[in-house]
Amino acid sequence: MKKLFLTAVFALILTYTSTAQDSNGYVGVSVGAVIPFGDLADEINTGLELGFINAGYRFNETWGLTANWGQFIFKDDKKLTIPLGTIDQAISSKINYFAIGPMITFGNFDFKPQYAFSSDKTKVKITSDIEDLDIINNDSSIDVDQLWILGTTYNLDLGGKFGLAGNLDYVFIKVDGSSKYHNLLKVSVGFNYRF
């Protein structure tokens, strides 16, 4: 039993070292879904995540730094039918972010807790077939007080300098004037170049 255990530990260590990432840095892009949780799930639909720049640099096999610039996009259409006619409401919201934090690497797996600087832009468009109805369309923004990302990435080598990244991130958003955090789950796939 002891030999079997030692053989399994040795195989695990061998696998760990043979799959360690050879590159120090990477830069890439990603796309995925942003899924709201809790109270936020009642207010908005699943959105789109665009990772314009996903970058990282490893100081050694375990420790590094990551920086990500991206955008969450949410759209919601509602239709209200009343005896006089219908009212259509289209809402689109974009949260832009720049996140930075440490990167802890274990083989092909990265753990990336990050703080993000962010802004929000929301557009509301209302149309109606009801006569004499005053329509108010507006663009507004809310201040995102805090945005934290607990990120995880599994890296897959495509050969040479290129790779794929599977990302699963838990996002905490706190809006200015609110005392509670809203939660999102970000699931995305990325393509990166390693140097």
Protein backbone atom coordinates (compact mmCIF):
# COMPACT_ATOMS: atom_id res chain seq x y z
CA MET A 1 0.00 0.00 0.00
CA LYS A 2 2.85 2.35 0.90
CA LYS A 3 4.58 1.68 -2.46
CA LEU A 4 1.33 2.38 -4.33
CA PHE A 5 0.90 5.68 -2.47
CA LEU A 6 4.51 6.73 -3.14
CA THR A 7 4.17 5.78 -6.81
CA ALA A 8 0.99 7.89 -7.09
CA VAL A 9 2.67 10.89 -5.42
CA PHE A 10 5.71 10.54 -7.69
CA ALA A 11 3.47 10.35 -10.79
CA LEU A 12 1.57 13.46 -9.63
CA ILE A 13 4.81 15.41 -9.12
CA LEU A 14 6.09 14.27 -12.51
CA THR A 15 2.83 15.32 -14.17
CA TYR A 16 2.89 18.66 -12.35
CA THR A 17 6.40 19.52 -13.47
CA SER A 18 5.93 18.27 -17.02
CA THR A 19 2.81 20.40 -17.55
CA ALA A 20 4.20 23.57 -16.00
CA GLN A 21 4.03 26.50 -18.37
CA ASP A 22 7.34 27.23 -20.08
CA SER A 23 6.58 30.86 -20.91
CA ASN A 24 6.90 33.85 -18.60
CA GLY A 25 4.19 36.00 -20.12
CA TYR A 26 1.11 35.95 -22.28
CA VAL A 27 -1.32 38.31 -23.98
CA GLY A 28 -4.67 37.31 -25.43
CA VAL A 29 -8.39 37.91 -25.96
CA SER A 30 -11.51 36.13 -24.69
CA VAL A 31 -15.27 35.94 -25.13
CA GLY A 32 -17.92 34.40 -22.91
CA ALA A 33 -21.12 34.63 -20.90
CA VAL A 34 -21.83 36.64 -17.74
CA ILE A 35 -24.49 35.02 -15.55
CA PRO A 36 -26.14 37.11 -12.79
CA PHE A 37 -26.92 35.60 -9.36
CA GLY A 38 -29.20 36.49 -6.47
CA ASP A 39 -31.32 39.65 -6.66
CA LEU A 40 -29.49 40.70 -9.81
CA ALA A 41 -30.75 37.59 -11.64
CA ASP A 42 -34.32 38.91 -11.26
CA GLU A 43 -33.37 42.24 -12.86
CA ILE A 44 -31.10 41.35 -15.80
CA ASN A 45 -30.57 38.51 -18.27
CA THR A 46 -27.36 36.62 -18.95
CA GLY A 47 -24.92 38.91 -20.72
CA LEU A 48 -21.86 38.82 -22.93
CA GLU A 49 -18.27 39.26 -21.76
CA LEU A 50 -15.59 40.58 -24.10
CA GLY A 51 -11.99 40.35 -22.92
CA PHE A 52 -10.15 42.89 -25.08
CA ILE A 53 -6.78 42.32 -23.41
CA ASN A 54 -5.91 39.43 -21.09
CA ALA A 55 -2.29 39.68 -20.03
CA GLY A 56 -0.03 38.14 -17.43
CA TYR A 57 3.59 37.77 -16.45
CA ARG A 58 5.12 35.04 -14.26
CA PHE A 59 8.07 35.99 -12.05
CA ASN A 60 8.69 32.30 -11.34
CA GLU A 61 6.77 29.01 -11.73
CA THR A 62 4.23 29.98 -9.07
CA TRP A 63 3.89 33.77 -8.75
CA GLY A 64 2.98 36.37 -11.31
CA LEU A 65 0.88 39.43 -12.11
CA THR A 66 -2.24 39.63 -14.29
CA ALA A 67 -4.06 42.55 -15.94
CA ASN A 68 -7.33 42.31 -17.86
CA TRP A 69 -9.33 44.90 -19.78
CA GLY A 70 -12.86 43.95 -20.79
CA GLN A 71 -16.55 44.69 -20.91
CA PHE A 72 -19.78 43.10 -19.67
CA ILE A 73 -22.79 43.74 -21.95
CA PHE A 74 -26.39 43.19 -20.80
CA LYS A 75 -29.54 43.69 -22.88
CA ASP A 76 -33.12 43.40 -21.74
CA ASP A 77 -36.34 43.98 -23.72
CA LYS A 78 -39.71 44.28 -22.00
CA LYS A 79 -43.14 44.67 -23.52
CA LEU A 80 -46.15 46.00 -21.64
CA THR A 81 -49.58 45.59 -23.20
CA ILE A 82 -52.45 47.73 -21.91
CA PRO A 83 -55.93 48.43 -23.36
CA LEU A 84 -54.66 51.59 -25.12
CA GLY A 85 -51.75 49.83 -26.86
CA THR A 86 -48.25 48.56 -26.17
CA ILE A 87 -45.13 50.02 -24.62
CA ASP A 88 -41.74 48.53 -25.51
CA GLN A 89 -38.70 49.15 -23.33
CA ALA A 90 -35.17 48.27 -24.46
CA ILE A 91 -32.37 48.53 -21.90
CA SER A 92 -28.70 48.00 -22.65
CA SER A 93 -25.97 48.28 -20.06
CA LYS A 94 -22.19 48.06 -20.47
CA ILE A 95 -19.72 47.71 -17.62
CA ASN A 96 -16.14 48.45 -18.67
CA TYR A 97 -13.36 47.25 -16.40
CA PHE A 98 -9.60 47.16 -16.00
CA ALA A 99 -8.58 44.52 -13.45
CA ILE A 100 -5.18 43.88 -11.90
CA GLY A 101 -3.95 41.40 -9.33
CA PRO A 102 -1.59 38.57 -8.44
CA MET A 103 -1.49 35.32 -10.40
CA ILE A 104 -0.77 32.05 -8.60
CA THR A 105 0.10 29.17 -10.95
CA PHE A 106 -0.15 25.42 -10.27
CA GLY A 107 0.80 23.52 -13.41
CA ASN A 108 -1.70 24.60 -16.10
CA PHE A 109 -4.08 26.17 -13.58
CA ASP A 110 -3.98 29.89 -12.63
CA PHE A 111 -5.74 31.50 -9.68
CA LYS A 112 -6.18 35.28 -10.16
CA PRO A 113 -7.80 37.45 -7.46
CA GLN A 114 -8.18 40.94 -8.94
CA TYR A 115 -9.42 44.43 -8.12
CA ALA A 116 -11.06 46.22 -11.06
CA PHE A 117 -11.46 49.87 -11.91
CA SER A 118 -14.79 50.16 -13.71
CA SER A 119 -17.51 52.33 -15.21
CA ASP A 120 -21.08 51.71 -16.36
CA LYS A 121 -23.16 53.14 -19.20
CA THR A 122 -26.88 52.34 -19.47
CA LYS A 123 -29.24 53.26 -22.33
CA VAL A 124 -33.02 53.09 -22.09
CA LYS A 125 -35.19 53.34 -25.20
CA ILE A 126 -38.98 53.32 -24.92
CA THR A 127 -41.31 53.12 -27.92
CA SER A 128 -45.09 52.94 -28.02
CA ASP A 129 -48.03 52.83 -30.40
CA ILE A 130 -50.19 54.84 -27.95
CA GLU A 131 -51.10 58.32 -29.20
CA ASP A 132 -50.26 61.37 -27.06
CA LEU A 133 -47.84 59.40 -24.87
CA ASP A 134 -44.73 61.35 -23.94
CA ILE A 135 -41.72 59.08 -24.39
CA ILE A 136 -38.58 59.69 -22.34
CA ASN A 137 -35.42 58.03 -23.61
CA ASN A 138 -32.25 58.51 -21.65
CA ASP A 139 -28.65 57.58 -21.30
CA SER A 140 -27.44 57.27 -17.76
CA SER A 141 -24.57 55.89 -15.81
CA ILE A 142 -24.22 54.46 -12.36
CA ASP A 143 -21.06 54.56 -10.37
CA VAL A 144 -19.59 51.15 -9.69
CA ASP A 145 -18.04 51.63 -6.25
CA GLN A 146 -16.12 48.33 -6.16
CA LEU A 147 -15.60 45.43 -8.54
CA TRP A 148 -13.63 42.35 -7.46
CA ILE A 149 -12.88 39.28 -9.57
CA LEU A 150 -11.89 35.87 -8.21
CA GLY A 151 -10.54 34.39 -11.42
CA THR A 152 -9.49 30.89 -12.38
CA THR A 153 -7.97 29.81 -15.69
CA TYR A 154 -7.04 26.45 -17.15
CA ASN A 155 -4.37 26.82 -19.86
CA LEU A 156 -4.16 24.44 -22.79
CA ASP A 157 -1.04 24.45 -24.95
CA LEU A 158 -1.74 24.51 -28.70
CA GLY A 159 1.90 24.07 -29.58
CA GLY A 160 4.53 26.69 -30.17
CA LYS A 161 3.69 30.08 -28.70
CA PHE A 162 -0.12 29.76 -28.79
CA GLY A 163 -2.63 28.49 -26.25
CA LEU A 164 -6.27 28.34 -25.22
CA ALA A 165 -7.56 29.48 -21.85
CA GLY A 166 -10.76 28.34 -20.16
CA ASN A 167 -11.83 30.96 -17.60
CA LEU A 168 -14.28 30.66 -14.71
CA ASP A 169 -14.50 33.90 -12.72
CA TYR A 170 -16.70 34.98 -9.82
CA VAL A 171 -17.39 38.73 -9.91
CA PHE A 172 -18.49 40.93 -6.99
CA ILE A 173 -19.98 44.34 -7.89
CA LYS A 174 -20.92 47.05 -5.40
CA VAL A 175 -22.80 50.06 -6.78
CA ASP A 176 -22.25 53.50 -5.27
CA GLY A 177 -24.83 54.18 -2.54
CA SER A 178 -25.52 50.48 -1.95
CA SER A 179 -24.26 48.48 0.99
CA LYS A 180 -24.45 45.07 -0.69
CA TYR A 181 -22.54 43.28 -3.42
CA HIS A 182 -24.14 41.84 -6.55
CA ASN A 183 -22.69 38.61 -7.94
CA LEU A 184 -21.92 37.46 -11.47
CA LEU A 185 -20.36 34.28 -12.84
CA LYS A 186 -18.18 34.82 -15.92
CA VAL A 187 -17.48 31.79 -18.13
CA SER A 188 -15.22 32.46 -21.11
CA VAL A 189 -12.77 30.97 -23.57
CA GLY A 190 -9.65 32.81 -24.66
CA PHE A 191 -6.84 32.58 -27.17
CA ASN A 192 -3.37 33.74 -26.13
CA TYR A 193 0.14 34.27 -27.37
CA ARG A 194 2.97 33.33 -24.99
CA PHE A 195 6.36 34.97 -24.81
